[in-house]
Amino acid sequence: MKQFFPIVLTFSFFLFTGCEDVLECIINIRPELENKSLVHGHVDEFYFESISAEIKNEPNDNVYDYYFSVSGNIPEGIELFYDYREVVFEGIPKETGRFTLRVSLTAEAIVEYYYDEFGNEYYHDPLCSNNTSRVYTLVIR
């Protein structure tokens, strides 16, 4: 009987929590920012760099809305743009230094509501977690 206890416990867990949500967290579907070092720039020279976002373990990550925020000091002359799944740094820097930036990302599924065959509305958020952040260092020489 002891050998069946883990099976019964697992079955009960899925029965009361719903398979879909549990599997999504086991698969770890969540937003992710690119793990990279930013290219070093030089004063009075054009600078361009971008940081990409994706939904980890999700082949259809274009069906999400991506919302970014950047905190920290951005060097004078560099502008910040958001282009769908990217944060873009572009411009001609006017000052040298090491600039620490925190890029935060929140992702939301575009279609979170759906209807079953009986017309009942359901809310479904496929993400195990919907936000993340990462610290980057921008060096201008």
Protein backbone atom coordinates (compact mmCIF):
# COMPACT_ATOMS: atom_id res chain seq x y z
CA MET A 1 0.00 0.00 0.00
CA LYS A 2 2.90 2.36 0.74
CA GLN A 3 4.03 2.16 -2.89
CA PHE A 4 0.70 3.59 -4.10
CA PHE A 5 0.71 6.57 -1.71
CA PRO A 6 2.93 8.81 -3.92
CA ILE A 7 0.76 8.03 -6.95
CA VAL A 8 -2.46 8.85 -5.07
CA LEU A 9 -0.89 12.03 -3.68
CA THR A 10 0.23 13.17 -7.15
CA PHE A 11 -3.17 12.38 -8.66
CA SER A 12 -4.90 14.34 -5.88
CA PHE A 13 -2.60 17.30 -6.45
CA PHE A 14 -3.45 17.47 -10.16
CA LEU A 15 -7.13 16.90 -9.45
CA PHE A 16 -7.42 19.91 -7.13
CA THR A 17 -5.02 22.33 -8.82
CA GLY A 18 -5.59 21.68 -12.51
CA CYS A 19 -2.99 20.06 -14.72
CA GLU A 20 -2.43 22.97 -17.07
CA ASP A 21 -1.21 25.49 -14.48
CA VAL A 22 1.02 22.96 -12.74
CA LEU A 23 2.59 21.82 -16.00
CA GLU A 24 3.28 25.41 -17.03
CA CYS A 25 5.22 25.98 -13.82
CA ILE A 26 7.06 22.68 -14.19
CA ILE A 27 7.97 23.67 -17.75
CA ASN A 28 8.85 27.14 -16.34
CA ILE A 29 7.14 29.38 -18.89
CA ARG A 30 8.29 32.87 -17.95
CA PRO A 31 9.68 36.09 -19.45
CA GLU A 32 13.41 36.33 -19.83
CA LEU A 33 15.84 39.13 -20.70
CA GLU A 34 18.93 38.47 -22.78
CA ASN A 35 21.98 37.55 -20.71
CA LYS A 36 24.73 39.64 -22.26
CA SER A 37 27.31 42.32 -21.66
CA LEU A 38 26.61 45.63 -23.36
CA VAL A 39 29.11 46.75 -25.99
CA HIS A 40 31.45 49.48 -24.74
CA GLY A 41 30.98 52.87 -26.34
CA HIS A 42 33.16 55.94 -26.92
CA VAL A 43 32.46 59.61 -26.37
CA ASP A 44 31.39 61.43 -29.56
CA GLU A 45 31.01 58.17 -31.52
CA PHE A 46 27.67 56.68 -32.54
CA TYR A 47 26.48 53.96 -30.16
CA PHE A 48 23.86 51.27 -30.75
CA GLU A 49 22.98 48.31 -28.56
CA SER A 50 19.83 46.34 -27.84
CA ILE A 51 18.55 43.90 -25.23
CA SER A 52 16.04 41.29 -26.38
CA ALA A 53 13.25 39.63 -24.44
CA GLU A 54 11.53 36.30 -24.92
CA ILE A 55 9.22 33.90 -23.13
CA LYS A 56 11.33 30.96 -21.99
CA ASN A 57 10.02 27.55 -23.11
CA GLU A 58 7.31 29.13 -25.25
CA PRO A 59 7.56 28.66 -29.04
CA ASN A 60 4.83 31.29 -29.63
CA ASP A 61 6.37 34.15 -27.68
CA ASN A 62 5.08 36.67 -30.23
CA VAL A 63 1.58 36.30 -28.74
CA TYR A 64 2.59 38.29 -25.65
CA ASP A 65 2.73 41.99 -24.90
CA TYR A 66 6.09 43.14 -23.52
CA TYR A 67 6.32 46.12 -21.14
CA PHE A 68 9.78 47.44 -20.25
CA SER A 69 11.09 49.95 -17.76
CA VAL A 70 14.69 51.06 -17.34
CA SER A 71 16.04 52.61 -14.16
CA GLY A 72 19.47 54.02 -13.45
CA ASN A 73 21.61 56.64 -15.13
CA ILE A 74 21.79 56.72 -18.90
CA PRO A 75 24.72 58.69 -20.30
CA GLU A 76 23.97 62.07 -21.81
CA GLY A 77 23.48 61.71 -25.58
CA ILE A 78 22.10 58.16 -25.42
CA GLU A 79 18.38 57.73 -26.03
CA LEU A 80 16.25 54.81 -25.02
CA PHE A 81 13.64 53.21 -27.30
CA TYR A 82 11.30 50.28 -26.86
CA ASP A 83 10.76 48.23 -30.01
CA TYR A 84 8.27 45.42 -29.28
CA ARG A 85 10.61 42.78 -27.77
CA GLU A 86 13.71 44.94 -27.52
CA VAL A 87 15.12 47.78 -25.48
CA VAL A 88 17.34 49.90 -27.75
CA PHE A 89 20.13 52.27 -26.64
CA GLU A 90 21.16 54.64 -29.41
CA GLY A 91 22.95 57.95 -29.81
CA ILE A 92 26.23 59.77 -29.45
CA PRO A 93 27.40 59.69 -25.82
CA LYS A 94 28.75 62.95 -24.39
CA GLU A 95 30.19 61.66 -21.11
CA THR A 96 32.45 58.83 -19.95
CA GLY A 97 31.79 56.42 -17.12
CA ARG A 98 30.22 53.18 -15.99
CA PHE A 99 26.44 53.36 -15.95
CA THR A 100 24.45 50.72 -14.09
CA LEU A 101 20.98 50.10 -15.51
CA ARG A 102 18.20 47.83 -14.35
CA VAL A 103 15.93 46.64 -17.15
CA SER A 104 12.59 45.32 -15.91
CA LEU A 105 10.16 43.36 -18.03
CA THR A 106 6.51 42.45 -17.56
CA ALA A 107 4.87 40.16 -20.11
CA GLU A 108 1.19 39.46 -20.60
CA ALA A 109 -0.53 36.99 -22.86
CA ILE A 110 -2.55 38.82 -25.51
CA VAL A 111 -5.37 36.28 -25.32
CA GLU A 112 -5.95 35.60 -21.62
CA TYR A 113 -9.69 35.02 -21.88
CA TYR A 114 -11.31 32.22 -23.82
CA TYR A 115 -14.70 30.57 -24.08
CA ASP A 116 -15.46 26.88 -23.83
CA GLU A 117 -17.94 25.03 -26.02
CA PHE A 118 -20.78 26.09 -23.68
CA GLY A 119 -20.00 29.82 -23.89
CA ASN A 120 -18.47 30.02 -20.42
CA GLU A 121 -15.69 32.59 -20.14
CA TYR A 122 -12.40 31.49 -18.59
CA TYR A 123 -9.28 33.40 -17.67
CA HIS A 124 -6.00 31.69 -18.49
CA ASP A 125 -2.57 33.14 -17.84
CA PRO A 126 -0.03 30.74 -19.36
CA LEU A 127 2.91 32.27 -17.50
CA CYS A 128 4.27 30.81 -14.30
CA SER A 129 5.71 34.27 -13.55
CA ASN A 130 5.02 37.41 -15.57
CA ASN A 131 7.97 39.65 -14.70
CA THR A 132 11.73 39.69 -14.43
CA SER A 133 14.61 42.14 -14.31
CA ARG A 134 18.32 42.16 -14.96
CA VAL A 135 21.15 44.60 -14.24
CA TYR A 136 23.42 45.74 -17.09
CA THR A 137 26.48 47.95 -17.12
CA LEU A 138 27.05 50.40 -19.95
CA VAL A 139 30.68 51.57 -20.24
CA ILE A 140 31.52 54.73 -22.18
CA ARG A 141 35.22 55.58 -22.62
